[in-house]
Amino acid sequence: MQKPEYHILICNSFRLNGQPQGVCNKKEAASLLQYLENEIVDRGLDVMISSTGCLKLCEQGPVMVIYPAGWWYGQVTEEKIDEILDALEEATAIEEFLLC
């Protein structure tokens, strides 16, 4: 398997038993995964997506992280995803959306 250019993590607040719970899940993080996947395919981006357990930034949920850049985004919505992917195509971040 060839390493993708980017790896995007979306917090879905999975717990040890595998059940999605928590803030990110309650804010529809699961539906963001499908939206993100569709956008990545449509744009032809070289990106892997993973759903994660809690990333410990619940007050900022849903949280999305892009590696290897290390960009952490909070309160992610479909509209923000569009802007973030626009910037990602240019290998840049959306500074005002970054958490750290």
PDB file of N, CA and C in Angstrom:
ATOM      1  N   MET A   1       0.837  -1.181   0.000  1.00  0.00           N
ATOM      2  CA  MET A   1       0.000   0.000   0.000  1.00  0.00           C
ATOM      3  C   MET A   1       0.879   1.240   0.000  1.00  0.00           C
ATOM      4  N   GLN A   2       0.576   2.152  -0.888  1.00  0.00           N
ATOM      5  CA  GLN A   2       1.304   3.410  -0.938  1.00  0.00           C
ATOM      6  C   GLN A   2       0.740   4.371   0.105  1.00  0.00           C
ATOM      7  N   LYS A   3       1.624   5.057   0.795  1.00  0.00           N
ATOM      8  CA  LYS A   3       1.228   6.024   1.818  1.00  0.00           C
ATOM      9  C   LYS A   3       0.503   7.194   1.160  1.00  0.00           C
ATOM     10  N   PRO A   4      -0.690   7.583   1.672  1.00  0.00           N
ATOM     11  CA  PRO A   4      -1.411   8.726   1.099  1.00  0.00           C
ATOM     12  C   PRO A   4      -0.706  10.032   1.445  1.00  0.00           C
ATOM     13  N   GLU A   5      -1.006  11.050   0.669  1.00  0.00           N
ATOM     14  CA  GLU A   5      -0.419  12.368   0.908  1.00  0.00           C
ATOM     15  C   GLU A   5      -0.885  12.945   2.246  1.00  0.00           C
ATOM     16  N   TYR A   6      -2.168  12.723   2.573  1.00  0.00           N
ATOM     17  CA  TYR A   6      -2.732  13.210   3.837  1.00  0.00           C
ATOM     18  C   TYR A   6      -3.543  12.110   4.504  1.00  0.00           C
ATOM     19  N   HIS A   7      -3.626  12.197   5.831  1.00  0.00           N
ATOM     20  CA  HIS A   7      -4.491  11.328   6.625  1.00  0.00           C
ATOM     21  C   HIS A   7      -5.364  12.243   7.468  1.00  0.00           C
ATOM     22  N   ILE A   8      -6.673  12.156   7.280  1.00  0.00           N
ATOM     23  CA  ILE A   8      -7.612  12.987   8.028  1.00  0.00           C
ATOM     24  C   ILE A   8      -8.311  12.131   9.066  1.00  0.00           C
ATOM     25  N   LEU A   9      -8.277  12.613  10.300  1.00  0.00           N
ATOM     26  CA  LEU A   9      -8.948  11.952  11.418  1.00  0.00           C
ATOM     27  C   LEU A   9     -10.167  12.785  11.801  1.00  0.00           C
ATOM     28  N   ILE A  10     -11.303  12.106  11.982  1.00  0.00           N
ATOM     29  CA  ILE A  10     -12.513  12.775  12.469  1.00  0.00           C
ATOM     30  C   ILE A  10     -12.883  12.125  13.795  1.00  0.00           C
ATOM     31  N   CYS A  11     -12.951  12.933  14.847  1.00  0.00           N
ATOM     32  CA  CYS A  11     -13.364  12.405  16.148  1.00  0.00           C
ATOM     33  C   CYS A  11     -14.832  12.006  16.073  1.00  0.00           C
ATOM     34  N   ASN A  12     -15.094  10.766  16.453  1.00  0.00           N
ATOM     35  CA  ASN A  12     -16.473  10.291  16.541  1.00  0.00           C
ATOM     36  C   ASN A  12     -16.762   9.789  17.947  1.00  0.00           C
ATOM     37  N   SER A  13     -15.852  10.102  18.871  1.00  0.00           N
ATOM     38  CA  SER A  13     -16.034   9.828  20.299  1.00  0.00           C
ATOM     39  C   SER A  13     -16.261   8.361  20.609  1.00  0.00           C
ATOM     40  N   PHE A  14     -15.611   7.447  19.857  1.00  0.00           N
ATOM     41  CA  PHE A  14     -15.763   6.029  20.157  1.00  0.00           C
ATOM     42  C   PHE A  14     -15.206   5.726  21.533  1.00  0.00           C
ATOM     43  N   ARG A  15     -15.868   4.835  22.247  1.00  0.00           N
ATOM     44  CA  ARG A  15     -15.421   4.397  23.555  1.00  0.00           C
ATOM     45  C   ARG A  15     -14.770   3.022  23.419  1.00  0.00           C
ATOM     46  N   LEU A  16     -14.190   2.521  24.492  1.00  0.00           N
ATOM     47  CA  LEU A  16     -13.487   1.243  24.459  1.00  0.00           C
ATOM     48  C   LEU A  16     -14.351   0.089  23.947  1.00  0.00           C
ATOM     49  N   ASN A  17     -15.646   0.133  24.217  1.00  0.00           N
ATOM     50  CA  ASN A  17     -16.521  -0.941  23.757  1.00  0.00           C
ATOM     51  C   ASN A  17     -16.945  -0.753  22.303  1.00  0.00           C
ATOM     52  N   GLY A  18     -16.436   0.301  21.653  1.00  0.00           N
ATOM     53  CA  GLY A  18     -16.735   0.538  20.247  1.00  0.00           C
ATOM     54  C   GLY A  18     -17.965   1.373  19.981  1.00  0.00           C
ATOM     55  N   GLN A  19     -18.688   1.750  21.018  1.00  0.00           N
ATOM     56  CA  GLN A  19     -19.899   2.543  20.844  1.00  0.00           C
ATOM     57  C   GLN A  19     -19.573   4.025  20.665  1.00  0.00           C
ATOM     58  N   PRO A  20     -20.107   4.653  19.612  1.00  0.00           N
ATOM     59  CA  PRO A  20     -19.905   6.095  19.461  1.00  0.00           C
ATOM     60  C   PRO A  20     -20.764   6.843  20.472  1.00  0.00           C
ATOM     61  N   GLN A  21     -20.160   7.764  21.178  1.00  0.00           N
ATOM     62  CA  GLN A  21     -20.862   8.565  22.171  1.00  0.00           C
ATOM     63  C   GLN A  21     -20.231   9.943  22.185  1.00  0.00           C
ATOM     64  N   GLY A  22     -20.556  10.737  23.160  1.00  0.00           N
ATOM     65  CA  GLY A  22     -19.870  11.993  23.357  1.00  0.00           C
ATOM     66  C   GLY A  22     -20.293  13.115  22.426  1.00  0.00           C
ATOM     67  N   VAL A  23     -19.637  14.245  22.597  1.00  0.00           N
ATOM     68  CA  VAL A  23     -20.000  15.489  21.926  1.00  0.00           C
ATOM     69  C   VAL A  23     -19.883  15.384  20.410  1.00  0.00           C
ATOM     70  N   CYS A  24     -18.752  14.927  19.913  1.00  0.00           N
ATOM     71  CA  CYS A  24     -18.562  14.883  18.453  1.00  0.00           C
ATOM     72  C   CYS A  24     -19.609  13.999  17.790  1.00  0.00           C
ATOM     73  N   ASN A  25     -19.887  12.861  18.391  1.00  0.00           N
ATOM     74  CA  ASN A  25     -20.905  11.975  17.828  1.00  0.00           C
ATOM     75  C   ASN A  25     -22.276  12.624  17.861  1.00  0.00           C
ATOM     76  N   LYS A  26     -22.594  13.284  18.956  1.00  0.00           N
ATOM     77  CA  LYS A  26     -23.900  13.948  19.078  1.00  0.00           C
ATOM     78  C   LYS A  26     -24.039  15.125  18.118  1.00  0.00           C
ATOM     79  N   LYS A  27     -22.907  15.660  17.664  1.00  0.00           N
ATOM     80  CA  LYS A  27     -22.928  16.759  16.694  1.00  0.00           C
ATOM     81  C   LYS A  27     -22.769  16.239  15.262  1.00  0.00           C
ATOM     82  N   GLU A  28     -23.171  14.987  15.038  1.00  0.00           N
ATOM     83  CA  GLU A  28     -23.240  14.391  13.699  1.00  0.00           C
ATOM     84  C   GLU A  28     -21.886  14.168  13.029  1.00  0.00           C
ATOM     85  N   ALA A  29     -20.860  13.832  13.814  1.00  0.00           N
ATOM     86  CA  ALA A  29     -19.548  13.557  13.226  1.00  0.00           C
ATOM     87  C   ALA A  29     -19.599  12.395  12.244  1.00  0.00           C
ATOM     88  N   ALA A  30     -20.453  11.410  12.508  1.00  0.00           N
ATOM     89  CA  ALA A  30     -20.544  10.259  11.605  1.00  0.00           C
ATOM     90  C   ALA A  30     -20.986  10.676  10.206  1.00  0.00           C
ATOM     91  N   SER A  31     -21.921  11.590  10.101  1.00  0.00           N
ATOM     92  CA  SER A  31     -22.369  12.034   8.781  1.00  0.00           C
ATOM     93  C   SER A  31     -21.290  12.863   8.083  1.00  0.00           C
ATOM     94  N   LEU A  32     -20.427  13.519   8.860  1.00  0.00           N
ATOM     95  CA  LEU A  32     -19.319  14.268   8.272  1.00  0.00           C
ATOM     96  C   LEU A  32     -18.324  13.344   7.583  1.00  0.00           C
ATOM     97  N   LEU A  33     -18.178  12.126   8.113  1.00  0.00           N
ATOM     98  CA  LEU A  33     -17.276  11.156   7.496  1.00  0.00           C
ATOM     99  C   LEU A  33     -17.693  10.865   6.059  1.00  0.00           C
ATOM    100  N   GLN A  34     -18.973  10.612   5.846  1.00  0.00           N
ATOM    101  CA  GLN A  34     -19.456  10.309   4.501  1.00  0.00           C
ATOM    102  C   GLN A  34     -19.337  11.523   3.591  1.00  0.00           C
ATOM    103  N   TYR A  35     -19.665  12.682   4.107  1.00  0.00           N
ATOM    104  CA  TYR A  35     -19.545  13.902   3.324  1.00  0.00           C
ATOM    105  C   TYR A  35     -18.084  14.118   2.910  1.00  0.00           C
ATOM    106  N   LEU A  36     -17.172  13.963   3.859  1.00  0.00           N
ATOM    107  CA  LEU A  36     -15.756  14.137   3.594  1.00  0.00           C
ATOM    108  C   LEU A  36     -15.270  13.136   2.546  1.00  0.00           C
ATOM    109  N   GLU A  37     -15.673  11.893   2.676  1.00  0.00           N
ATOM    110  CA  GLU A  37     -15.287  10.860   1.707  1.00  0.00           C
ATOM    111  C   GLU A  37     -15.760  11.230   0.304  1.00  0.00           C
ATOM    112  N   ASN A  38     -16.995  11.650   0.178  1.00  0.00           N
ATOM    113  CA  ASN A  38     -17.535  12.039  -1.128  1.00  0.00           C
ATOM    114  C   ASN A  38     -16.752  13.206  -1.732  1.00  0.00           C
ATOM    115  N   GLU A  39     -16.445  14.202  -0.911  1.00  0.00           N
ATOM    116  CA  GLU A  39     -15.703  15.369  -1.390  1.00  0.00           C
ATOM    117  C   GLU A  39     -14.288  15.000  -1.830  1.00  0.00           C
ATOM    118  N   ILE A  40     -13.645  14.123  -1.082  1.00  0.00           N
ATOM    119  CA  ILE A  40     -12.285  13.702  -1.417  1.00  0.00           C
ATOM    120  C   ILE A  40     -12.275  12.956  -2.752  1.00  0.00           C
ATOM    121  N   VAL A  41     -13.233  12.080  -2.946  1.00  0.00           N
ATOM    122  CA  VAL A  41     -13.336  11.338  -4.208  1.00  0.00           C
ATOM    123  C   VAL A  41     -13.621  12.300  -5.353  1.00  0.00           C
ATOM    124  N   ASP A  42     -14.593  13.198  -5.164  1.00  0.00           N
ATOM    125  CA  ASP A  42     -14.944  14.162  -6.212  1.00  0.00           C
ATOM    126  C   ASP A  42     -13.762  15.036  -6.620  1.00  0.00           C
ATOM    127  N   ARG A  43     -12.909  15.372  -5.657  1.00  0.00           N
ATOM    128  CA  ARG A  43     -11.777  16.262  -5.925  1.00  0.00           C
ATOM    129  C   ARG A  43     -10.525  15.502  -6.369  1.00  0.00           C
ATOM    130  N   GLY A  44     -10.564  14.173  -6.241  1.00  0.00           N
ATOM    131  CA  GLY A  44      -9.410  13.370  -6.632  1.00  0.00           C
ATOM    132  C   GLY A  44      -8.209  13.541  -5.720  1.00  0.00           C
ATOM    133  N   LEU A  45      -8.466  13.812  -4.437  1.00  0.00           N
ATOM    134  CA  LEU A  45      -7.381  14.012  -3.476  1.00  0.00           C
ATOM    135  C   LEU A  45      -6.819  12.679  -2.997  1.00  0.00           C
ATOM    136  N   ASP A  46      -5.535  12.663  -2.679  1.00  0.00           N
ATOM    137  CA  ASP A  46      -4.854  11.484  -2.157  1.00  0.00           C
ATOM    138  C   ASP A  46      -4.902  11.542  -0.625  1.00  0.00           C
ATOM    139  N   VAL A  47      -6.044  11.137  -0.078  1.00  0.00           N
ATOM    140  CA  VAL A  47      -6.312  11.280   1.358  1.00  0.00           C
ATOM    141  C   VAL A  47      -6.940  10.013   1.906  1.00  0.00           C
ATOM    142  N   MET A  48      -6.471   9.578   3.072  1.00  0.00           N
ATOM    143  CA  MET A  48      -7.100   8.501   3.832  1.00  0.00           C
ATOM    144  C   MET A  48      -7.890   9.142   4.961  1.00  0.00           C
ATOM    145  N   ILE A  49      -9.059   8.594   5.265  1.00  0.00           N
ATOM    146  CA  ILE A  49      -9.899   9.114   6.340  1.00  0.00           C
ATOM    147  C   ILE A  49     -10.062   8.038   7.409  1.00  0.00           C
ATOM    148  N   SER A  50      -9.997   8.452   8.671  1.00  0.00           N
ATOM    149  CA  SER A  50     -10.235   7.541   9.791  1.00  0.00           C
ATOM    150  C   SER A  50     -11.137   8.210  10.813  1.00  0.00           C
ATOM    151  N   SER A  51     -12.020   7.426  11.388  1.00  0.00           N
ATOM    152  CA  SER A  51     -12.828   7.871  12.514  1.00  0.00           C
ATOM    153  C   SER A  51     -12.090   7.462  13.781  1.00  0.00           C
ATOM    154  N   THR A  52     -12.118   8.320  14.780  1.00  0.00           N
ATOM    155  CA  THR A  52     -11.326   8.054  15.982  1.00  0.00           C
ATOM    156  C   THR A  52     -12.181   8.014  17.247  1.00  0.00           C
ATOM    157  N   GLY A  53     -11.529   7.595  18.302  1.00  0.00           N
ATOM    158  CA  GLY A  53     -12.081   7.762  19.629  1.00  0.00           C
ATOM    159  C   GLY A  53     -11.946   9.227  20.025  1.00  0.00           C
ATOM    160  N   CYS A  54     -12.276   9.523  21.240  1.00  0.00           N
ATOM    161  CA  CYS A  54     -12.274  10.899  21.721  1.00  0.00           C
ATOM    162  C   CYS A  54     -10.890  11.525  21.608  1.00  0.00           C
ATOM    163  N   LEU A  55     -10.831  12.722  21.044  1.00  0.00           N
ATOM    164  CA  LEU A  55      -9.584  13.475  20.919  1.00  0.00           C
ATOM    165  C   LEU A  55      -9.414  14.497  22.048  1.00  0.00           C
ATOM    166  N   LYS A  56     -10.312  14.460  23.016  1.00  0.00           N
ATOM    167  CA  LYS A  56     -10.203  15.261  24.245  1.00  0.00           C
ATOM    168  C   LYS A  56     -10.347  16.767  24.040  1.00  0.00           C
ATOM    169  N   LEU A  57     -11.058  17.159  22.978  1.00  0.00           N
ATOM    170  CA  LEU A  57     -11.370  18.575  22.754  1.00  0.00           C
ATOM    171  C   LEU A  57     -12.874  18.709  22.561  1.00  0.00           C
ATOM    172  N   CYS A  58     -13.623  18.113  23.465  1.00  0.00           N
ATOM    173  CA  CYS A  58     -15.080  17.996  23.336  1.00  0.00           C
ATOM    174  C   CYS A  58     -15.772  19.342  23.105  1.00  0.00           C
ATOM    175  N   GLU A  59     -15.315  20.380  23.786  1.00  0.00           N
ATOM    176  CA  GLU A  59     -15.961  21.682  23.642  1.00  0.00           C
ATOM    177  C   GLU A  59     -15.772  22.259  22.239  1.00  0.00           C
ATOM    178  N   GLN A  60     -14.846  21.702  21.470  1.00  0.00           N
ATOM    179  CA  GLN A  60     -14.580  22.176  20.111  1.00  0.00           C
ATOM    180  C   GLN A  60     -15.137  21.234  19.034  1.00  0.00           C
ATOM    181  N   GLY A  61     -15.872  20.198  19.459  1.00  0.00           N
ATOM    182  CA  GLY A  61     -16.331  19.167  18.529  1.00  0.00           C
ATOM    183  C   GLY A  61     -17.361  19.622  17.531  1.00  0.00           C
ATOM    184  N   PRO A  62     -17.457  18.903  16.439  1.00  0.00           N
ATOM    185  CA  PRO A  62     -16.588  17.827  15.986  1.00  0.00           C
ATOM    186  C   PRO A  62     -15.187  18.341  15.617  1.00  0.00           C
ATOM    187  N   VAL A  63     -14.199  17.500  15.915  1.00  0.00           N
ATOM    188  CA  VAL A  63     -12.805  17.834  15.682  1.00  0.00           C
ATOM    189  C   VAL A  63     -12.282  17.021  14.500  1.00  0.00           C
ATOM    190  N   MET A  64     -11.477  17.680  13.659  1.00  0.00           N
ATOM    191  CA  MET A  64     -10.850  17.034  12.510  1.00  0.00           C
ATOM    192  C   MET A  64      -9.365  17.374  12.529  1.00  0.00           C
ATOM    193  N   VAL A  65      -8.517  16.359  12.309  1.00  0.00           N
ATOM    194  CA  VAL A  65      -7.069  16.541  12.312  1.00  0.00           C
ATOM    195  C   VAL A  65      -6.522  16.088  10.971  1.00  0.00           C
ATOM    196  N   ILE A  66      -5.610  16.865  10.408  1.00  0.00           N
ATOM    197  CA  ILE A  66      -4.987  16.512   9.134  1.00  0.00           C
ATOM    198  C   ILE A  66      -3.492  16.302   9.348  1.00  0.00           C
ATOM    199  N   TYR A  67      -3.038  15.078   9.046  1.00  0.00           N
ATOM    200  CA  TYR A  67      -1.619  14.729   9.114  1.00  0.00           C
ATOM    201  C   TYR A  67      -1.104  14.472   7.716  1.00  0.00           C
ATOM    202  N   PRO A  68       0.157  14.705   7.425  1.00  0.00           N
ATOM    203  CA  PRO A  68       1.234  14.979   8.371  1.00  0.00           C
ATOM    204  C   PRO A  68       1.371  16.448   8.776  1.00  0.00           C
ATOM    205  N   ALA A  69       0.513  17.321   8.250  1.00  0.00           N
ATOM    206  CA  ALA A  69       0.625  18.753   8.547  1.00  0.00           C
ATOM    207  C   ALA A  69       0.399  19.070  10.023  1.00  0.00           C
ATOM    208  N   GLY A  70      -0.420  18.260  10.712  1.00  0.00           N
ATOM    209  CA  GLY A  70      -0.699  18.521  12.123  1.00  0.00           C
ATOM    210  C   GLY A  70      -1.711  19.630  12.339  1.00  0.00           C
ATOM    211  N   TRP A  71      -2.615  19.828  11.383  1.00  0.00           N
ATOM    212  CA  TRP A  71      -3.641  20.863  11.499  1.00  0.00           C
ATOM    213  C   TRP A  71      -4.846  20.306  12.234  1.00  0.00           C
ATOM    214  N   TRP A  72      -5.237  20.942  13.326  1.00  0.00           N
ATOM    215  CA  TRP A  72      -6.395  20.556  14.133  1.00  0.00           C
ATOM    216  C   TRP A  72      -7.497  21.593  13.925  1.00  0.00           C
ATOM    217  N   TYR A  73      -8.655  21.124  13.474  1.00  0.00           N
ATOM    218  CA  TYR A  73      -9.795  22.009  13.233  1.00  0.00           C
ATOM    219  C   TYR A  73     -10.930  21.648  14.178  1.00  0.00           C
ATOM    220  N   GLY A  74     -11.649  22.666  14.663  1.00  0.00           N
ATOM    221  CA  GLY A  74     -12.766  22.437  15.565  1.00  0.00           C
ATOM    222  C   GLY A  74     -14.079  22.930  15.004  1.00  0.00           C
ATOM    223  N   GLN A  75     -15.149  22.431  15.624  1.00  0.00           N
ATOM    224  CA  GLN A  75     -16.518  22.794  15.249  1.00  0.00           C
ATOM    225  C   GLN A  75     -16.713  22.648  13.740  1.00  0.00           C
ATOM    226  N   VAL A  76     -16.268  21.499  13.234  1.00  0.00           N
ATOM    227  CA  VAL A  76     -16.286  21.224  11.803  1.00  0.00           C
ATOM    228  C   VAL A  76     -17.716  20.995  11.319  1.00  0.00           C
ATOM    229  N   THR A  77     -18.036  21.601  10.185  1.00  0.00           N
ATOM    230  CA  THR A  77     -19.320  21.435   9.506  1.00  0.00           C
ATOM    231  C   THR A  77     -19.026  21.097   8.047  1.00  0.00           C
ATOM    232  N   GLU A  78     -20.060  20.772   7.300  1.00  0.00           N
ATOM    233  CA  GLU A  78     -19.874  20.514   5.872  1.00  0.00           C
ATOM    234  C   GLU A  78     -19.316  21.746   5.170  1.00  0.00           C
ATOM    235  N   GLU A  79     -19.781  22.919   5.549  1.00  0.00           N
ATOM    236  CA  GLU A  79     -19.295  24.153   4.939  1.00  0.00           C
ATOM    237  C   GLU A  79     -17.811  24.373   5.230  1.00  0.00           C
ATOM    238  N   LYS A  80     -17.407  24.102   6.472  1.00  0.00           N
ATOM    239  CA  LYS A  80     -15.992  24.234   6.824  1.00  0.00           C
ATOM    240  C   LYS A  80     -15.157  23.200   6.080  1.00  0.00           C
ATOM    241  N   ILE A  81     -15.682  21.990   5.947  1.00  0.00           N
ATOM    242  CA  ILE A  81     -14.956  20.955   5.209  1.00  0.00           C
ATOM    243  C   ILE A  81     -14.667  21.421   3.788  1.00  0.00           C
ATOM    244  N   ASP A  82     -15.652  22.029   3.136  1.00  0.00           N
ATOM    245  CA  ASP A  82     -15.442  22.539   1.783  1.00  0.00           C
ATOM    246  C   ASP A  82     -14.271  23.521   1.742  1.00  0.00           C
ATOM    247  N   GLU A  83     -14.241  24.449   2.681  1.00  0.00           N
ATOM    248  CA  GLU A  83     -13.175  25.449   2.720  1.00  0.00           C
ATOM    249  C   GLU A  83     -11.826  24.819   3.062  1.00  0.00           C
ATOM    250  N   ILE A  84     -11.841  23.880   4.005  1.00  0.00           N
ATOM    251  CA  ILE A  84     -10.608  23.200   4.411  1.00  0.00           C
ATOM    252  C   ILE A  84     -10.035  22.409   3.237  1.00  0.00           C
ATOM    253  N   LEU A  85     -10.884  21.711   2.495  1.00  0.00           N
ATOM    254  CA  LEU A  85     -10.401  20.947   1.344  1.00  0.00           C
ATOM    255  C   LEU A  85      -9.932  21.859   0.218  1.00  0.00           C
ATOM    256  N   ASP A  86     -10.585  23.004   0.045  1.00  0.00           N
ATOM    257  CA  ASP A  86     -10.107  23.982  -0.936  1.00  0.00           C
ATOM    258  C   ASP A  86      -8.666  24.372  -0.596  1.00  0.00           C
ATOM    259  N   ALA A  87      -8.417  24.657   0.668  1.00  0.00           N
ATOM    260  CA  ALA A  87      -7.080  25.045   1.116  1.00  0.00           C
ATOM    261  C   ALA A  87      -6.108  23.874   1.006  1.00  0.00           C
ATOM    262  N   LEU A  88      -6.572  22.675   1.337  1.00  0.00           N
ATOM    263  CA  LEU A  88      -5.720  21.493   1.280  1.00  0.00           C
ATOM    264  C   LEU A  88      -5.218  21.243  -0.143  1.00  0.00           C
ATOM    265  N   GLU A  89      -6.045  21.552  -1.121  1.00  0.00           N
ATOM    266  CA  GLU A  89      -5.627  21.402  -2.518  1.00  0.00           C
ATOM    267  C   GLU A  89      -4.446  22.320  -2.839  1.00  0.00           C
ATOM    268  N   GLU A  90      -4.297  23.379  -2.068  1.00  0.00           N
ATOM    269  CA  GLU A  90      -3.180  24.316  -2.221  1.00  0.00           C
ATOM    270  C   GLU A  90      -2.103  24.079  -1.162  1.00  0.00           C
ATOM    271  N   ALA A  91      -2.260  22.998  -0.379  1.00  0.00           N
ATOM    272  CA  ALA A  91      -1.322  22.631   0.695  1.00  0.00           C
ATOM    273  C   ALA A  91      -1.212  23.718   1.761  1.00  0.00           C
ATOM    274  N   THR A  92      -2.336  24.376   2.050  1.00  0.00           N
ATOM    275  CA  THR A  92      -2.357  25.402   3.089  1.00  0.00           C
ATOM    276  C   THR A  92      -3.477  25.104   4.085  1.00  0.00           C
ATOM    277  N   ALA A  93      -3.424  25.785   5.216  1.00  0.00           N
ATOM    278  CA  ALA A  93      -4.441  25.654   6.262  1.00  0.00           C
ATOM    279  C   ALA A  93      -5.358  26.871   6.240  1.00  0.00           C
ATOM    280  N   ILE A  94      -6.529  26.723   6.826  1.00  0.00           N
ATOM    281  CA  ILE A  94      -7.432  27.849   7.068  1.00  0.00           C
ATOM    282  C   ILE A  94      -7.143  28.305   8.502  1.00  0.00           C
ATOM    283  N   GLU A  95      -6.334  29.324   8.626  1.00  0.00           N
ATOM    284  CA  GLU A  95      -5.836  29.760   9.936  1.00  0.00           C
ATOM    285  C   GLU A  95      -6.941  30.026  10.948  1.00  0.00           C
ATOM    286  N   GLU A  96      -8.034  30.673  10.527  1.00  0.00           N
ATOM    287  CA  GLU A  96      -9.075  31.025  11.497  1.00  0.00           C
ATOM    288  C   GLU A  96      -9.848  29.828  12.019  1.00  0.00           C
ATOM    289  N   PHE A  97      -9.739  28.670  11.361  1.00  0.00           N
ATOM    290  CA  PHE A  97     -10.416  27.461  11.834  1.00  0.00           C
ATOM    291  C   PHE A  97      -9.526  26.596  12.729  1.00  0.00           C
ATOM    292  N   LEU A  98      -8.221  26.863  12.736  1.00  0.00           N
ATOM    293  CA  LEU A  98      -7.275  26.024  13.478  1.00  0.00           C
ATOM    294  C   LEU A  98      -7.463  26.146  14.989  1.00  0.00           C
ATOM    295  N   LEU A  99      -7.323  25.028  15.677  1.00  0.00           N
ATOM    296  CA  LEU A  99      -7.402  25.023  17.140  1.00  0.00           C
ATOM    297  C   LEU A  99      -6.046  25.273  17.764  1.00  0.00           C
ATOM    298  N   CYS A 100      -4.998  24.761  17.190  1.00  0.00           N
ATOM    299  CA  CYS A 100      -3.663  24.927  17.781  1.00  0.00           C
ATOM    300  C   CYS A 100      -2.617  24.908  16.703  1.00  0.00           C
TER     301      CYS A 100
END
